[in-house]
Amino acid sequence: MSQSNYSQSYQYPNYPTVQLNNSLEHFQGSKFKEKSIIFGVIGFFVLGIVFGPLAISNARKAEALHHSATVGKVLGWIDTICAALGILVVVFIMISAASNAGS
């Protein structure tokens, strides 16, 4: 069998074609996804009450542009809930200290 007959008889499997999407919409969605994850991680360490909602907002923008931003959204909610609980604990401690100081 010659080389030319062999190369003509071989057929590539039917793999799905992958389209590269280099549009502005794809780029913006990718950036919103990255920002949501970054804000979510920063919120674990400082100002979760600020960075949590920022992470959630950017995740929603990314999802509107057809990007999965579940990680950023979950981190944002965890940050927001933990920060809100932390604020409630601090307020409770201050009220408790104030009532003990008065007696």
C-alpha atoms as a PDB file:
ATOM      1  CA  MET A   1       0.000   0.000   0.000  1.00  0.00           C
ATOM      2  CA  SER A   2       1.464   3.311  -0.962  1.00  0.00           C
ATOM      3  CA  GLN A   3       1.585   6.364   1.261  1.00  0.00           C
ATOM      4  CA  SER A   4      -0.991   8.285  -0.758  1.00  0.00           C
ATOM      5  CA  ASN A   5      -3.582   5.499  -0.551  1.00  0.00           C
ATOM      6  CA  TYR A   6      -3.132   5.208   3.201  1.00  0.00           C
ATOM      7  CA  SER A   7      -3.580   8.924   3.857  1.00  0.00           C
ATOM      8  CA  GLN A   8      -6.693   9.056   1.683  1.00  0.00           C
ATOM      9  CA  SER A   9      -8.400   6.110   3.368  1.00  0.00           C
ATOM     10  CA  TYR A  10      -7.983   7.402   6.946  1.00  0.00           C
ATOM     11  CA  GLN A  11     -10.898   9.440   8.264  1.00  0.00           C
ATOM     12  CA  TYR A  12     -10.754  11.512  11.400  1.00  0.00           C
ATOM     13  CA  PRO A  13     -13.331  10.764  14.080  1.00  0.00           C
ATOM     14  CA  ASN A  14     -16.292  13.078  14.343  1.00  0.00           C
ATOM     15  CA  TYR A  15     -15.186  15.303  17.174  1.00  0.00           C
ATOM     16  CA  PRO A  16     -17.365  18.304  17.874  1.00  0.00           C
ATOM     17  CA  THR A  17     -15.872  21.467  16.517  1.00  0.00           C
ATOM     18  CA  VAL A  18     -14.787  23.946  19.146  1.00  0.00           C
ATOM     19  CA  GLN A  19     -15.416  27.534  18.286  1.00  0.00           C
ATOM     20  CA  LEU A  20     -13.245  30.174  19.828  1.00  0.00           C
ATOM     21  CA  ASN A  21     -15.367  33.071  20.905  1.00  0.00           C
ATOM     22  CA  ASN A  22     -13.235  36.196  20.901  1.00  0.00           C
ATOM     23  CA  SER A  23     -16.105  38.633  21.011  1.00  0.00           C
ATOM     24  CA  LEU A  24     -16.303  41.599  23.349  1.00  0.00           C
ATOM     25  CA  GLU A  25     -19.241  39.978  25.157  1.00  0.00           C
ATOM     26  CA  HIS A  26     -17.182  36.863  25.880  1.00  0.00           C
ATOM     27  CA  PHE A  27     -14.256  38.960  27.117  1.00  0.00           C
ATOM     28  CA  GLN A  28     -16.465  41.063  29.416  1.00  0.00           C
ATOM     29  CA  GLY A  29     -18.159  37.965  30.837  1.00  0.00           C
ATOM     30  CA  SER A  30     -14.772  36.445  31.555  1.00  0.00           C
ATOM     31  CA  LYS A  31     -13.622  39.604  33.338  1.00  0.00           C
ATOM     32  CA  PHE A  32     -16.785  39.768  35.477  1.00  0.00           C
ATOM     33  CA  LYS A  33     -16.273  36.115  36.409  1.00  0.00           C
ATOM     34  CA  GLU A  34     -12.662  36.746  37.449  1.00  0.00           C
ATOM     35  CA  LYS A  35     -13.593  39.860  39.431  1.00  0.00           C
ATOM     36  CA  SER A  36     -16.344  37.997  41.292  1.00  0.00           C
ATOM     37  CA  ILE A  37     -13.881  35.332  42.417  1.00  0.00           C
ATOM     38  CA  ILE A  38     -11.281  37.937  43.411  1.00  0.00           C
ATOM     39  CA  PHE A  39     -13.811  39.968  45.398  1.00  0.00           C
ATOM     40  CA  GLY A  40     -15.101  36.778  47.038  1.00  0.00           C
ATOM     41  CA  VAL A  41     -11.622  35.764  48.191  1.00  0.00           C
ATOM     42  CA  ILE A  42     -10.735  39.261  49.417  1.00  0.00           C
ATOM     43  CA  GLY A  43     -14.013  39.357  51.340  1.00  0.00           C
ATOM     44  CA  PHE A  44     -12.866  36.404  53.458  1.00  0.00           C
ATOM     45  CA  PHE A  45     -10.083  38.520  54.909  1.00  0.00           C
ATOM     46  CA  VAL A  46     -11.321  42.124  54.961  1.00  0.00           C
ATOM     47  CA  LEU A  47     -14.661  43.897  54.696  1.00  0.00           C
ATOM     48  CA  GLY A  48     -16.829  40.948  53.721  1.00  0.00           C
ATOM     49  CA  ILE A  49     -19.877  43.196  54.011  1.00  0.00           C
ATOM     50  CA  VAL A  50     -18.489  45.258  51.102  1.00  0.00           C
ATOM     51  CA  PHE A  51     -16.703  42.678  48.955  1.00  0.00           C
ATOM     52  CA  GLY A  52     -19.426  40.021  49.303  1.00  0.00           C
ATOM     53  CA  PRO A  53     -22.093  42.041  47.490  1.00  0.00           C
ATOM     54  CA  LEU A  54     -19.485  43.122  44.912  1.00  0.00           C
ATOM     55  CA  ALA A  55     -18.726  39.457  44.223  1.00  0.00           C
ATOM     56  CA  ILE A  56     -22.429  38.635  43.891  1.00  0.00           C
ATOM     57  CA  SER A  57     -23.006  41.593  41.561  1.00  0.00           C
ATOM     58  CA  ASN A  58     -20.111  40.681  39.279  1.00  0.00           C
ATOM     59  CA  ALA A  59     -21.197  37.028  39.240  1.00  0.00           C
ATOM     60  CA  ARG A  60     -24.668  38.064  38.088  1.00  0.00           C
ATOM     61  CA  LYS A  61     -23.178  40.205  35.325  1.00  0.00           C
ATOM     62  CA  ALA A  62     -21.005  37.272  34.213  1.00  0.00           C
ATOM     63  CA  GLU A  63     -23.995  34.937  34.195  1.00  0.00           C
ATOM     64  CA  ALA A  64     -25.961  37.437  32.120  1.00  0.00           C
ATOM     65  CA  LEU A  65     -23.150  37.160  29.554  1.00  0.00           C
ATOM     66  CA  HIS A  66     -23.396  33.331  29.606  1.00  0.00           C
ATOM     67  CA  HIS A  67     -20.455  32.590  31.912  1.00  0.00           C
ATOM     68  CA  SER A  68     -20.756  30.269  34.873  1.00  0.00           C
ATOM     69  CA  ALA A  69     -19.765  32.278  37.940  1.00  0.00           C
ATOM     70  CA  THR A  70     -21.002  29.977  40.673  1.00  0.00           C
ATOM     71  CA  VAL A  71     -17.756  30.153  42.658  1.00  0.00           C
ATOM     72  CA  GLY A  72     -17.843  33.940  42.846  1.00  0.00           C
ATOM     73  CA  LYS A  73     -21.512  33.988  43.772  1.00  0.00           C
ATOM     74  CA  VAL A  74     -21.095  31.389  46.541  1.00  0.00           C
ATOM     75  CA  LEU A  75     -18.030  33.159  47.955  1.00  0.00           C
ATOM     76  CA  GLY A  76     -19.924  36.453  47.870  1.00  0.00           C
ATOM     77  CA  TRP A  77     -22.877  35.019  49.796  1.00  0.00           C
ATOM     78  CA  ILE A  78     -20.583  33.381  52.354  1.00  0.00           C
ATOM     79  CA  ASP A  79     -18.720  36.676  52.829  1.00  0.00           C
ATOM     80  CA  THR A  80     -21.931  38.663  53.190  1.00  0.00           C
ATOM     81  CA  ILE A  81     -23.554  36.256  55.643  1.00  0.00           C
ATOM     82  CA  CYS A  82     -20.428  35.878  57.789  1.00  0.00           C
ATOM     83  CA  ALA A  83     -19.880  39.644  57.893  1.00  0.00           C
ATOM     84  CA  ALA A  84     -23.510  40.291  58.821  1.00  0.00           C
ATOM     85  CA  LEU A  85     -23.322  37.694  61.596  1.00  0.00           C
ATOM     86  CA  GLY A  86     -20.056  39.234  62.790  1.00  0.00           C
ATOM     87  CA  ILE A  87     -21.659  42.657  62.966  1.00  0.00           C
ATOM     88  CA  LEU A  88     -24.609  41.235  64.916  1.00  0.00           C
ATOM     89  CA  VAL A  89     -22.229  39.565  67.386  1.00  0.00           C
ATOM     90  CA  VAL A  90     -20.330  42.824  67.909  1.00  0.00           C
ATOM     91  CA  VAL A  91     -23.577  44.756  68.442  1.00  0.00           C
ATOM     92  CA  PHE A  92     -24.802  42.080  70.871  1.00  0.00           C
ATOM     93  CA  ILE A  93     -21.525  42.251  72.835  1.00  0.00           C
ATOM     94  CA  MET A  94     -21.708  46.054  72.978  1.00  0.00           C
ATOM     95  CA  ILE A  95     -25.297  45.963  74.228  1.00  0.00           C
ATOM     96  CA  SER A  96     -24.384  43.313  76.782  1.00  0.00           C
ATOM     97  CA  ALA A  97     -21.378  45.309  77.981  1.00  0.00           C
ATOM     98  CA  ALA A  98     -23.438  48.482  78.231  1.00  0.00           C
ATOM     99  CA  SER A  99     -26.139  46.788  80.265  1.00  0.00           C
ATOM    100  CA  ASN A 100     -23.551  45.209  82.614  1.00  0.00           C
ATOM    101  CA  ALA A 101     -21.798  48.559  83.109  1.00  0.00           C
ATOM    102  CA  GLY A 102     -25.046  50.208  84.164  1.00  0.00           C
ATOM    103  CA  SER A 103     -25.787  47.724  86.958  1.00  0.00           C
END
